[in-house]
Amino acid sequence: MSVTGAPQPIGYSRTPLGRVAVGLRWIALFIAVVLFLVPFYLILRNALSTEADITAPSWTLFPRHLQWGNISELFNDAQVPMARALYNSAVVGVLGTAGQLLLASMAGYGLARIPYRHADKIFYAIVATLMIPAAVTFIPSFIVVSSLGWVSSLRGLIIPTLFSGFAAFLFRQYFLNFPRELEEAARVDGAGYFGVFWRIVVPNSLPFFAALAAITFIANWNSFLWPLVIGQDSSSWTVQVAMSTFVTAQTINIHELFMAVAVSILPLVLIFAFLQRYLIQGVTQSGIKD
């Protein structure tokens, strides 16, 4: 017998109809979890299988003999420098994310806090760039990168991705809601806009920075078309470009492809696992304010 007013477990209901509703919600949640995990199961299962096991007419939950040698086979493949590709993707992801956050945060703070009569016009111009399809700027960007001699280099992969109007827009909206009292206290101590930004605003906005960092890193890691065009030499391939070489018009190397996919998603899973709470917190803190 429960005590009136005592806290009840989550999902608790006193009525039979309420209990049925709770049970249905748990069933729906279980089905959603299973459907979400199925692709990861297929990747892991096929990554540890032989070509014959993957293409066999009869399906098994896991092959009888797990092929752990597929890992060494992947990294010893002379045609696909997977270790170098992972390194390139890591460098592009880390430096591209850091540079984009630096430029976008400074631009967003300037638009939100520094009084300038044309600030709104500049902001609207930045928002207007979001309406331009990426395909329109693809060829001009390649011409600029090619003229600078950055083809098949990490500079060509990183620098063109540092400027993001969408990130600047999000930072501007976030800084509009940032408490002005903290900034005014720093101004009383003699700090300017730059000092306030680095000493007060950035340290108190780390959850929002972490949320955008996770989203930006994942986008840079999964980028394919731009690295495919710029990385014309195998030494400048990213992991996405390297994986595409397992599927050609002549052959399909299925087990190495799945192993490469399993290896490539591991950093993203770890980043999401560590920063998932910042993703939710960052989204809630990026409210739109005129």
C-alpha atoms as a PDB file:
ATOM      1  CA  MET A   1       0.000   0.000   0.000  1.00  0.00           C
ATOM      2  CA  SER A   2       1.553   3.290  -1.113  1.00  0.00           C
ATOM      3  CA  VAL A   3       1.664   6.405   1.027  1.00  0.00           C
ATOM      4  CA  THR A   4      -0.272   9.379  -0.344  1.00  0.00           C
ATOM      5  CA  GLY A   5       2.073  12.027  -1.699  1.00  0.00           C
ATOM      6  CA  ALA A   6       5.090   9.703  -1.774  1.00  0.00           C
ATOM      7  CA  PRO A   7       7.194   9.897  -4.973  1.00  0.00           C
ATOM      8  CA  GLN A   8       6.375   7.136  -7.436  1.00  0.00           C
ATOM      9  CA  PRO A   9       8.670   5.472  -9.989  1.00  0.00           C
ATOM     10  CA  ILE A  10       8.845   6.982 -13.463  1.00  0.00           C
ATOM     11  CA  GLY A  11       6.033   5.628 -15.614  1.00  0.00           C
ATOM     12  CA  TYR A  12       3.968   4.585 -12.606  1.00  0.00           C
ATOM     13  CA  SER A  13       0.184   4.706 -13.023  1.00  0.00           C
ATOM     14  CA  ARG A  14      -2.592   3.630 -10.682  1.00  0.00           C
ATOM     15  CA  THR A  15      -5.192   2.938 -13.389  1.00  0.00           C
ATOM     16  CA  PRO A  16      -5.147  -0.178 -15.623  1.00  0.00           C
ATOM     17  CA  LEU A  17      -5.477   1.986 -18.732  1.00  0.00           C
ATOM     18  CA  GLY A  18      -2.522   4.068 -17.628  1.00  0.00           C
ATOM     19  CA  ARG A  19      -0.420   0.964 -17.070  1.00  0.00           C
ATOM     20  CA  VAL A  20      -1.279  -0.309 -20.540  1.00  0.00           C
ATOM     21  CA  ALA A  21      -0.209   3.042 -22.012  1.00  0.00           C
ATOM     22  CA  VAL A  22       3.071   2.870 -20.112  1.00  0.00           C
ATOM     23  CA  GLY A  23       3.654  -0.666 -21.348  1.00  0.00           C
ATOM     24  CA  LEU A  24       2.990   0.361 -24.937  1.00  0.00           C
ATOM     25  CA  ARG A  25       5.455   3.225 -24.600  1.00  0.00           C
ATOM     26  CA  TRP A  26       8.133   0.845 -23.342  1.00  0.00           C
ATOM     27  CA  ILE A  27       7.454  -1.542 -26.221  1.00  0.00           C
ATOM     28  CA  ALA A  28       7.672   1.302 -28.728  1.00  0.00           C
ATOM     29  CA  LEU A  29      10.920   2.466 -27.128  1.00  0.00           C
ATOM     30  CA  PHE A  30      12.362  -1.062 -27.309  1.00  0.00           C
ATOM     31  CA  ILE A  31      11.440  -1.366 -30.997  1.00  0.00           C
ATOM     32  CA  ALA A  32      13.024   2.026 -31.718  1.00  0.00           C
ATOM     33  CA  VAL A  33      16.237   0.985 -29.952  1.00  0.00           C
ATOM     34  CA  VAL A  34      16.414  -2.275 -31.904  1.00  0.00           C
ATOM     35  CA  LEU A  35      15.856  -0.495 -35.221  1.00  0.00           C
ATOM     36  CA  PHE A  36      18.554   2.021 -34.309  1.00  0.00           C
ATOM     37  CA  LEU A  37      21.071  -0.713 -33.447  1.00  0.00           C
ATOM     38  CA  VAL A  38      20.410  -2.925 -36.499  1.00  0.00           C
ATOM     39  CA  PRO A  39      22.758  -0.969 -38.839  1.00  0.00           C
ATOM     40  CA  PHE A  40      25.564  -1.151 -36.270  1.00  0.00           C
ATOM     41  CA  TYR A  41      25.009  -4.885 -35.877  1.00  0.00           C
ATOM     42  CA  LEU A  42      25.177  -5.385 -39.653  1.00  0.00           C
ATOM     43  CA  ILE A  43      28.395  -3.359 -39.877  1.00  0.00           C
ATOM     44  CA  LEU A  44      30.060  -5.341 -37.074  1.00  0.00           C
ATOM     45  CA  ARG A  45      28.784  -8.695 -38.333  1.00  0.00           C
ATOM     46  CA  ASN A  46      29.963  -8.167 -41.909  1.00  0.00           C
ATOM     47  CA  ALA A  47      33.244  -6.591 -40.828  1.00  0.00           C
ATOM     48  CA  LEU A  48      34.182  -9.834 -39.053  1.00  0.00           C
ATOM     49  CA  SER A  49      33.033 -12.120 -41.879  1.00  0.00           C
ATOM     50  CA  THR A  50      34.498 -13.456 -45.086  1.00  0.00           C
ATOM     51  CA  GLU A  51      33.156 -12.606 -48.525  1.00  0.00           C
ATOM     52  CA  ALA A  52      31.493 -16.034 -48.611  1.00  0.00           C
ATOM     53  CA  ASP A  53      29.749 -15.473 -45.271  1.00  0.00           C
ATOM     54  CA  ILE A  54      28.442 -12.075 -46.334  1.00  0.00           C
ATOM     55  CA  THR A  55      27.066 -13.274 -49.684  1.00  0.00           C
ATOM     56  CA  ALA A  56      25.846 -16.682 -48.448  1.00  0.00           C
ATOM     57  CA  PRO A  57      22.165 -17.435 -49.232  1.00  0.00           C
ATOM     58  CA  SER A  58      21.501 -18.541 -45.638  1.00  0.00           C
ATOM     59  CA  TRP A  59      21.713 -15.931 -42.900  1.00  0.00           C
ATOM     60  CA  THR A  60      23.498 -16.477 -39.589  1.00  0.00           C
ATOM     61  CA  LEU A  61      23.502 -14.136 -36.617  1.00  0.00           C
ATOM     62  CA  PHE A  62      27.306 -14.177 -36.586  1.00  0.00           C
ATOM     63  CA  PRO A  63      29.732 -16.247 -38.670  1.00  0.00           C
ATOM     64  CA  ARG A  64      31.036 -19.411 -37.077  1.00  0.00           C
ATOM     65  CA  HIS A  65      34.602 -18.096 -37.175  1.00  0.00           C
ATOM     66  CA  LEU A  66      35.086 -14.377 -36.595  1.00  0.00           C
ATOM     67  CA  GLN A  67      37.677 -12.949 -38.970  1.00  0.00           C
ATOM     68  CA  TRP A  68      39.722 -10.688 -36.705  1.00  0.00           C
ATOM     69  CA  GLY A  69      42.404 -10.769 -39.376  1.00  0.00           C
ATOM     70  CA  ASN A  70      40.252  -8.411 -41.424  1.00  0.00           C
ATOM     71  CA  ILE A  71      41.593  -5.568 -39.277  1.00  0.00           C
ATOM     72  CA  SER A  72      45.224  -6.217 -40.232  1.00  0.00           C
ATOM     73  CA  GLU A  73      44.177  -6.886 -43.826  1.00  0.00           C
ATOM     74  CA  LEU A  74      42.525  -3.464 -43.961  1.00  0.00           C
ATOM     75  CA  PHE A  75      45.561  -1.568 -42.698  1.00  0.00           C
ATOM     76  CA  ASN A  76      48.014  -3.639 -44.782  1.00  0.00           C
ATOM     77  CA  ASP A  77      46.169  -3.041 -48.051  1.00  0.00           C
ATOM     78  CA  ALA A  78      48.731  -1.475 -50.397  1.00  0.00           C
ATOM     79  CA  GLN A  79      46.035   0.057 -52.606  1.00  0.00           C
ATOM     80  CA  VAL A  80      44.216   1.912 -49.812  1.00  0.00           C
ATOM     81  CA  PRO A  81      46.312   3.788 -47.198  1.00  0.00           C
ATOM     82  CA  MET A  82      43.670   3.547 -44.463  1.00  0.00           C
ATOM     83  CA  ALA A  83      45.969   4.626 -41.621  1.00  0.00           C
ATOM     84  CA  ARG A  84      46.960   7.752 -43.549  1.00  0.00           C
ATOM     85  CA  ALA A  85      43.319   8.422 -44.423  1.00  0.00           C
ATOM     86  CA  LEU A  86      42.306   8.235 -40.754  1.00  0.00           C
ATOM     87  CA  TYR A  87      45.106  10.630 -39.865  1.00  0.00           C
ATOM     88  CA  ASN A  88      44.034  13.069 -42.577  1.00  0.00           C
ATOM     89  CA  SER A  89      40.411  12.936 -41.431  1.00  0.00           C
ATOM     90  CA  ALA A  90      41.463  13.528 -37.834  1.00  0.00           C
ATOM     91  CA  VAL A  91      43.580  16.557 -38.793  1.00  0.00           C
ATOM     92  CA  VAL A  92      40.832  17.967 -41.022  1.00  0.00           C
ATOM     93  CA  GLY A  93      38.207  17.356 -38.346  1.00  0.00           C
ATOM     94  CA  VAL A  94      40.149  18.864 -35.435  1.00  0.00           C
ATOM     95  CA  LEU A  95      41.718  21.858 -37.199  1.00  0.00           C
ATOM     96  CA  GLY A  96      38.619  22.544 -39.302  1.00  0.00           C
ATOM     97  CA  THR A  97      36.398  22.471 -36.236  1.00  0.00           C
ATOM     98  CA  ALA A  98      38.714  24.658 -34.150  1.00  0.00           C
ATOM     99  CA  GLY A  99      39.136  27.203 -36.925  1.00  0.00           C
ATOM    100  CA  GLN A 100      35.446  27.350 -37.738  1.00  0.00           C
ATOM    101  CA  LEU A 101      34.467  27.838 -34.094  1.00  0.00           C
ATOM    102  CA  LEU A 102      37.088  30.557 -33.663  1.00  0.00           C
ATOM    103  CA  LEU A 103      36.020  32.585 -36.702  1.00  0.00           C
ATOM    104  CA  ALA A 104      32.277  32.019 -36.274  1.00  0.00           C
ATOM    105  CA  SER A 105      32.275  32.831 -32.559  1.00  0.00           C
ATOM    106  CA  MET A 106      34.182  36.074 -33.054  1.00  0.00           C
ATOM    107  CA  ALA A 107      31.901  37.059 -35.935  1.00  0.00           C
ATOM    108  CA  GLY A 108      28.795  36.178 -33.947  1.00  0.00           C
ATOM    109  CA  TYR A 109      29.950  38.114 -30.896  1.00  0.00           C
ATOM    110  CA  GLY A 110      30.808  41.150 -32.990  1.00  0.00           C
ATOM    111  CA  LEU A 111      27.381  41.128 -34.633  1.00  0.00           C
ATOM    112  CA  ALA A 112      25.623  40.679 -31.288  1.00  0.00           C
ATOM    113  CA  ARG A 113      27.529  43.136 -29.104  1.00  0.00           C
ATOM    114  CA  ILE A 114      29.643  45.662 -31.019  1.00  0.00           C
ATOM    115  CA  PRO A 115      27.507  48.670 -32.006  1.00  0.00           C
ATOM    116  CA  TYR A 116      27.794  49.355 -35.732  1.00  0.00           C
ATOM    117  CA  ARG A 117      25.170  50.914 -37.941  1.00  0.00           C
ATOM    118  CA  HIS A 118      25.628  48.336 -40.699  1.00  0.00           C
ATOM    119  CA  ALA A 119      25.672  45.313 -38.367  1.00  0.00           C
ATOM    120  CA  ASP A 120      22.160  44.234 -39.327  1.00  0.00           C
ATOM    121  CA  LYS A 121      22.968  44.498 -43.028  1.00  0.00           C
ATOM    122  CA  ILE A 122      26.048  42.335 -42.578  1.00  0.00           C
ATOM    123  CA  PHE A 123      24.023  39.835 -40.579  1.00  0.00           C
ATOM    124  CA  TYR A 124      21.353  39.629 -43.289  1.00  0.00           C
ATOM    125  CA  ALA A 125      24.067  39.168 -45.904  1.00  0.00           C
ATOM    126  CA  ILE A 126      25.475  36.247 -43.900  1.00  0.00           C
ATOM    127  CA  VAL A 127      22.015  34.702 -43.603  1.00  0.00           C
ATOM    128  CA  ALA A 128      21.518  35.171 -47.351  1.00  0.00           C
ATOM    129  CA  THR A 129      24.577  33.011 -48.029  1.00  0.00           C
ATOM    130  CA  LEU A 130      22.743  30.094 -46.406  1.00  0.00           C
ATOM    131  CA  MET A 131      20.262  30.175 -49.299  1.00  0.00           C
ATOM    132  CA  ILE A 132      22.997  29.658 -51.914  1.00  0.00           C
ATOM    133  CA  PRO A 133      23.343  25.972 -52.878  1.00  0.00           C
ATOM    134  CA  ALA A 134      26.781  24.510 -52.214  1.00  0.00           C
ATOM    135  CA  ALA A 135      27.016  23.376 -55.842  1.00  0.00           C
ATOM    136  CA  VAL A 136      27.041  27.027 -56.968  1.00  0.00           C
ATOM    137  CA  THR A 137      30.218  27.820 -55.014  1.00  0.00           C
ATOM    138  CA  PHE A 138      31.915  24.481 -55.608  1.00  0.00           C
ATOM    139  CA  ILE A 139      33.631  25.323 -58.915  1.00  0.00           C
ATOM    140  CA  PRO A 140      34.789  28.840 -57.891  1.00  0.00           C
ATOM    141  CA  SER A 141      36.185  27.412 -54.658  1.00  0.00           C
ATOM    142  CA  PHE A 142      38.078  24.731 -56.555  1.00  0.00           C
ATOM    143  CA  ILE A 143      39.515  27.313 -58.970  1.00  0.00           C
ATOM    144  CA  VAL A 144      40.777  29.417 -56.054  1.00  0.00           C
ATOM    145  CA  VAL A 145      42.282  26.400 -54.279  1.00  0.00           C
ATOM    146  CA  SER A 146      43.880  25.172 -57.501  1.00  0.00           C
ATOM    147  CA  SER A 147      45.388  28.584 -58.280  1.00  0.00           C
ATOM    148  CA  LEU A 148      46.952  28.638 -54.811  1.00  0.00           C
ATOM    149  CA  GLY A 149      48.494  25.203 -55.361  1.00  0.00           C
ATOM    150  CA  TRP A 150      46.561  23.587 -52.540  1.00  0.00           C
ATOM    151  CA  VAL A 151      45.245  20.588 -54.482  1.00  0.00           C
ATOM    152  CA  SER A 152      46.160  17.272 -52.788  1.00  0.00           C
ATOM    153  CA  SER A 153      47.104  19.084 -49.587  1.00  0.00           C
ATOM    154  CA  LEU A 154      45.600  19.438 -46.135  1.00  0.00           C
ATOM    155  CA  ARG A 155      45.420  23.213 -46.622  1.00  0.00           C
ATOM    156  CA  GLY A 156      43.031  22.721 -49.518  1.00  0.00           C
ATOM    157  CA  LEU A 157      40.900  20.421 -47.395  1.00  0.00           C
ATOM    158  CA  ILE A 158      40.793  22.608 -44.278  1.00  0.00           C
ATOM    159  CA  ILE A 159      40.918  26.318 -45.132  1.00  0.00           C
ATOM    160  CA  PRO A 160      37.845  26.502 -47.435  1.00  0.00           C
ATOM    161  CA  THR A 161      35.720  24.907 -44.694  1.00  0.00           C
ATOM    162  CA  LEU A 162      36.657  27.430 -41.990  1.00  0.00           C
ATOM    163  CA  PHE A 163      34.013  29.975 -42.947  1.00  0.00           C
ATOM    164  CA  SER A 164      30.473  28.997 -41.974  1.00  0.00           C
ATOM    165  CA  GLY A 165      27.594  31.445 -42.143  1.00  0.00           C
ATOM    166  CA  PHE A 166      25.371  28.989 -40.288  1.00  0.00           C
ATOM    167  CA  ALA A 167      27.776  28.766 -37.333  1.00  0.00           C
ATOM    168  CA  ALA A 168      28.110  32.562 -37.227  1.00  0.00           C
ATOM    169  CA  PHE A 169      24.312  32.825 -37.211  1.00  0.00           C
ATOM    170  CA  LEU A 170      24.006  30.392 -34.289  1.00  0.00           C
ATOM    171  CA  PHE A 171      26.700  32.178 -32.294  1.00  0.00           C
ATOM    172  CA  ARG A 172      25.071  35.541 -32.881  1.00  0.00           C
ATOM    173  CA  GLN A 173      21.714  34.244 -31.638  1.00  0.00           C
ATOM    174  CA  TYR A 174      23.356  32.671 -28.600  1.00  0.00           C
ATOM    175  CA  PHE A 175      25.329  35.795 -27.647  1.00  0.00           C
ATOM    176  CA  LEU A 176      22.193  37.917 -27.877  1.00  0.00           C
ATOM    177  CA  ASN A 177      20.864  35.905 -24.918  1.00  0.00           C
ATOM    178  CA  PHE A 178      24.149  35.967 -23.005  1.00  0.00           C
ATOM    179  CA  PRO A 179      23.830  37.871 -19.658  1.00  0.00           C
ATOM    180  CA  ARG A 180      25.035  41.422 -20.164  1.00  0.00           C
ATOM    181  CA  GLU A 181      25.667  41.819 -16.428  1.00  0.00           C
ATOM    182  CA  LEU A 182      28.753  39.588 -16.664  1.00  0.00           C
ATOM    183  CA  GLU A 183      30.162  41.657 -19.503  1.00  0.00           C
ATOM    184  CA  GLU A 184      29.432  44.965 -17.784  1.00  0.00           C
ATOM    185  CA  ALA A 185      31.305  43.812 -14.687  1.00  0.00           C
ATOM    186  CA  ALA A 186      34.360  43.105 -16.835  1.00  0.00           C
ATOM    187  CA  ARG A 187      34.053  46.479 -18.558  1.00  0.00           C
ATOM    188  CA  VAL A 188      34.120  48.200 -15.179  1.00  0.00           C
ATOM    189  CA  ASP A 189      37.513  46.548 -14.652  1.00  0.00           C
ATOM    190  CA  GLY A 190      38.721  48.065 -17.927  1.00  0.00           C
ATOM    191  CA  ALA A 191      38.355  45.127 -20.302  1.00  0.00           C
ATOM    192  CA  GLY A 192      37.560  45.840 -23.946  1.00  0.00           C
ATOM    193  CA  TYR A 193      35.452  43.799 -26.346  1.00  0.00           C
ATOM    194  CA  PHE A 194      38.274  41.369 -27.047  1.00  0.00           C
ATOM    195  CA  GLY A 195      39.104  40.902 -23.379  1.00  0.00           C
ATOM    196  CA  VAL A 196      35.459  40.431 -22.418  1.00  0.00           C
ATOM    197  CA  PHE A 197      35.026  37.869 -25.175  1.00  0.00           C
ATOM    198  CA  TRP A 198      38.003  35.721 -24.174  1.00  0.00           C
ATOM    199  CA  ARG A 199      37.876  36.117 -20.394  1.00  0.00           C
ATOM    200  CA  ILE A 200      34.133  36.182 -19.716  1.00  0.00           C
ATOM    201  CA  VAL A 201      32.044  35.045 -22.676  1.00  0.00           C
ATOM    202  CA  VAL A 202      34.039  32.025 -23.886  1.00  0.00           C
ATOM    203  CA  PRO A 203      34.606  30.400 -20.449  1.00  0.00           C
ATOM    204  CA  ASN A 204      30.892  30.750 -19.669  1.00  0.00           C
ATOM    205  CA  SER A 205      29.790  29.393 -23.063  1.00  0.00           C
ATOM    206  CA  LEU A 206      31.726  26.123 -23.142  1.00  0.00           C
ATOM    207  CA  PRO A 207      28.610  23.886 -23.359  1.00  0.00           C
ATOM    208  CA  PHE A 208      27.444  25.732 -26.462  1.00  0.00           C
ATOM    209  CA  PHE A 209      30.942  25.583 -27.969  1.00  0.00           C
ATOM    210  CA  ALA A 210      31.084  21.847 -27.228  1.00  0.00           C
ATOM    211  CA  ALA A 211      27.719  21.265 -28.900  1.00  0.00           C
ATOM    212  CA  LEU A 212      28.746  23.075 -32.086  1.00  0.00           C
ATOM    213  CA  ALA A 213      32.163  21.409 -31.972  1.00  0.00           C
ATOM    214  CA  ALA A 214      30.580  17.962 -31.982  1.00  0.00           C
ATOM    215  CA  ILE A 215      28.254  18.817 -34.878  1.00  0.00           C
ATOM    216  CA  THR A 216      31.044  20.481 -36.884  1.00  0.00           C
ATOM    217  CA  PHE A 217      33.529  17.665 -36.312  1.00  0.00           C
ATOM    218  CA  ILE A 218      31.018  15.052 -37.442  1.00  0.00           C
ATOM    219  CA  ALA A 219      30.245  17.094 -40.571  1.00  0.00           C
ATOM    220  CA  ASN A 220      33.949  17.484 -41.392  1.00  0.00           C
ATOM    221  CA  TRP A 221      34.638  13.807 -40.755  1.00  0.00           C
ATOM    222  CA  ASN A 222      31.778  12.689 -43.012  1.00  0.00           C
ATOM    223  CA  SER A 223      32.549  15.167 -45.814  1.00  0.00           C
ATOM    224  CA  PHE A 224      33.066  13.355 -49.102  1.00  0.00           C
ATOM    225  CA  LEU A 225      32.618  15.458 -52.256  1.00  0.00           C
ATOM    226  CA  TRP A 226      35.132  18.224 -51.487  1.00  0.00           C
ATOM    227  CA  PRO A 227      37.872  15.826 -50.251  1.00  0.00           C
ATOM    228  CA  LEU A 228      37.229  13.626 -53.303  1.00  0.00           C
ATOM    229  CA  VAL A 229      37.971  16.519 -55.679  1.00  0.00           C
ATOM    230  CA  ILE A 230      40.854  18.054 -53.719  1.00  0.00           C
ATOM    231  CA  GLY A 231      42.499  14.792 -52.643  1.00  0.00           C
ATOM    232  CA  GLN A 232      43.734  13.712 -56.064  1.00  0.00           C
ATOM    233  CA  ASP A 233      46.716  11.909 -54.526  1.00  0.00           C
ATOM    234  CA  SER A 234      46.257   8.926 -52.211  1.00  0.00           C
ATOM    235  CA  SER A 235      48.414  10.608 -49.550  1.00  0.00           C
ATOM    236  CA  SER A 236      45.719  13.287 -49.131  1.00  0.00           C
ATOM    237  CA  TRP A 237      42.697  10.969 -49.051  1.00  0.00           C
ATOM    238  CA  THR A 238      40.336  11.221 -46.122  1.00  0.00           C
ATOM    239  CA  VAL A 239      38.648   8.155 -44.694  1.00  0.00           C
ATOM    240  CA  GLN A 240      35.477   8.689 -46.727  1.00  0.00           C
ATOM    241  CA  VAL A 241      37.423   8.837 -49.989  1.00  0.00           C
ATOM    242  CA  ALA A 242      39.471   5.797 -49.009  1.00  0.00           C
ATOM    243  CA  MET A 243      36.312   3.779 -48.325  1.00  0.00           C
ATOM    244  CA  SER A 244      34.907   4.653 -51.744  1.00  0.00           C
ATOM    245  CA  THR A 245      37.825   2.871 -53.419  1.00  0.00           C
ATOM    246  CA  PHE A 246      36.600  -0.500 -52.149  1.00  0.00           C
ATOM    247  CA  VAL A 247      33.676  -0.251 -54.586  1.00  0.00           C
ATOM    248  CA  THR A 248      34.739   0.039 -58.228  1.00  0.00           C
ATOM    249  CA  ALA A 249      33.226  -0.841 -61.570  1.00  0.00           C
ATOM    250  CA  GLN A 250      35.239  -4.067 -61.615  1.00  0.00           C
ATOM    251  CA  THR A 251      35.316  -5.305 -58.014  1.00  0.00           C
ATOM    252  CA  ILE A 252      33.604  -4.856 -54.669  1.00  0.00           C
ATOM    253  CA  ASN A 253      35.703  -5.639 -51.588  1.00  0.00           C
ATOM    254  CA  ILE A 254      32.827  -6.106 -49.190  1.00  0.00           C
ATOM    255  CA  HIS A 255      34.506  -7.334 -46.014  1.00  0.00           C
ATOM    256  CA  GLU A 256      37.214  -4.638 -46.078  1.00  0.00           C
ATOM    257  CA  LEU A 257      34.578  -2.017 -46.818  1.00  0.00           C
ATOM    258  CA  PHE A 258      32.546  -2.999 -43.751  1.00  0.00           C
ATOM    259  CA  MET A 259      35.670  -3.130 -41.602  1.00  0.00           C
ATOM    260  CA  ALA A 260      36.631   0.346 -42.822  1.00  0.00           C
ATOM    261  CA  VAL A 261      33.141   1.586 -41.952  1.00  0.00           C
ATOM    262  CA  ALA A 262      33.401   0.065 -38.463  1.00  0.00           C
ATOM    263  CA  VAL A 263      36.770   1.720 -37.887  1.00  0.00           C
ATOM    264  CA  SER A 264      35.641   5.083 -39.274  1.00  0.00           C
ATOM    265  CA  ILE A 265      32.520   5.405 -37.127  1.00  0.00           C
ATOM    266  CA  LEU A 266      34.332   4.594 -33.877  1.00  0.00           C
ATOM    267  CA  PRO A 267      35.633   8.176 -33.331  1.00  0.00           C
ATOM    268  CA  LEU A 268      32.159   9.565 -34.009  1.00  0.00           C
ATOM    269  CA  VAL A 269      30.551   7.187 -31.526  1.00  0.00           C
ATOM    270  CA  LEU A 270      33.080   8.173 -28.854  1.00  0.00           C
ATOM    271  CA  ILE A 271      32.586  11.891 -29.497  1.00  0.00           C
ATOM    272  CA  PHE A 272      28.826  11.563 -29.359  1.00  0.00           C
ATOM    273  CA  ALA A 273      29.010   9.489 -26.174  1.00  0.00           C
ATOM    274  CA  PHE A 274      31.124  12.116 -24.379  1.00  0.00           C
ATOM    275  CA  LEU A 275      29.393  15.224 -25.742  1.00  0.00           C
ATOM    276  CA  GLN A 276      25.754  14.149 -26.029  1.00  0.00           C
ATOM    277  CA  ARG A 277      24.688  16.142 -22.956  1.00  0.00           C
ATOM    278  CA  TYR A 278      26.312  19.243 -24.429  1.00  0.00           C
ATOM    279  CA  LEU A 279      24.403  18.712 -27.679  1.00  0.00           C
ATOM    280  CA  ILE A 280      21.077  18.891 -25.855  1.00  0.00           C
ATOM    281  CA  GLN A 281      22.180  21.775 -23.653  1.00  0.00           C
ATOM    282  CA  GLY A 282      23.572  23.701 -26.607  1.00  0.00           C
ATOM    283  CA  VAL A 283      20.371  23.365 -28.598  1.00  0.00           C
ATOM    284  CA  THR A 284      18.275  24.637 -25.700  1.00  0.00           C
ATOM    285  CA  GLN A 285      20.575  27.632 -25.292  1.00  0.00           C
ATOM    286  CA  SER A 286      20.477  28.694 -28.965  1.00  0.00           C
ATOM    287  CA  GLY A 287      17.027  30.271 -28.897  1.00  0.00           C
ATOM    288  CA  ILE A 288      16.174  32.757 -31.590  1.00  0.00           C
ATOM    289  CA  LYS A 289      15.988  36.360 -30.412  1.00  0.00           C
ATOM    290  CA  ASP A 290      15.433  39.430 -32.539  1.00  0.00           C
END
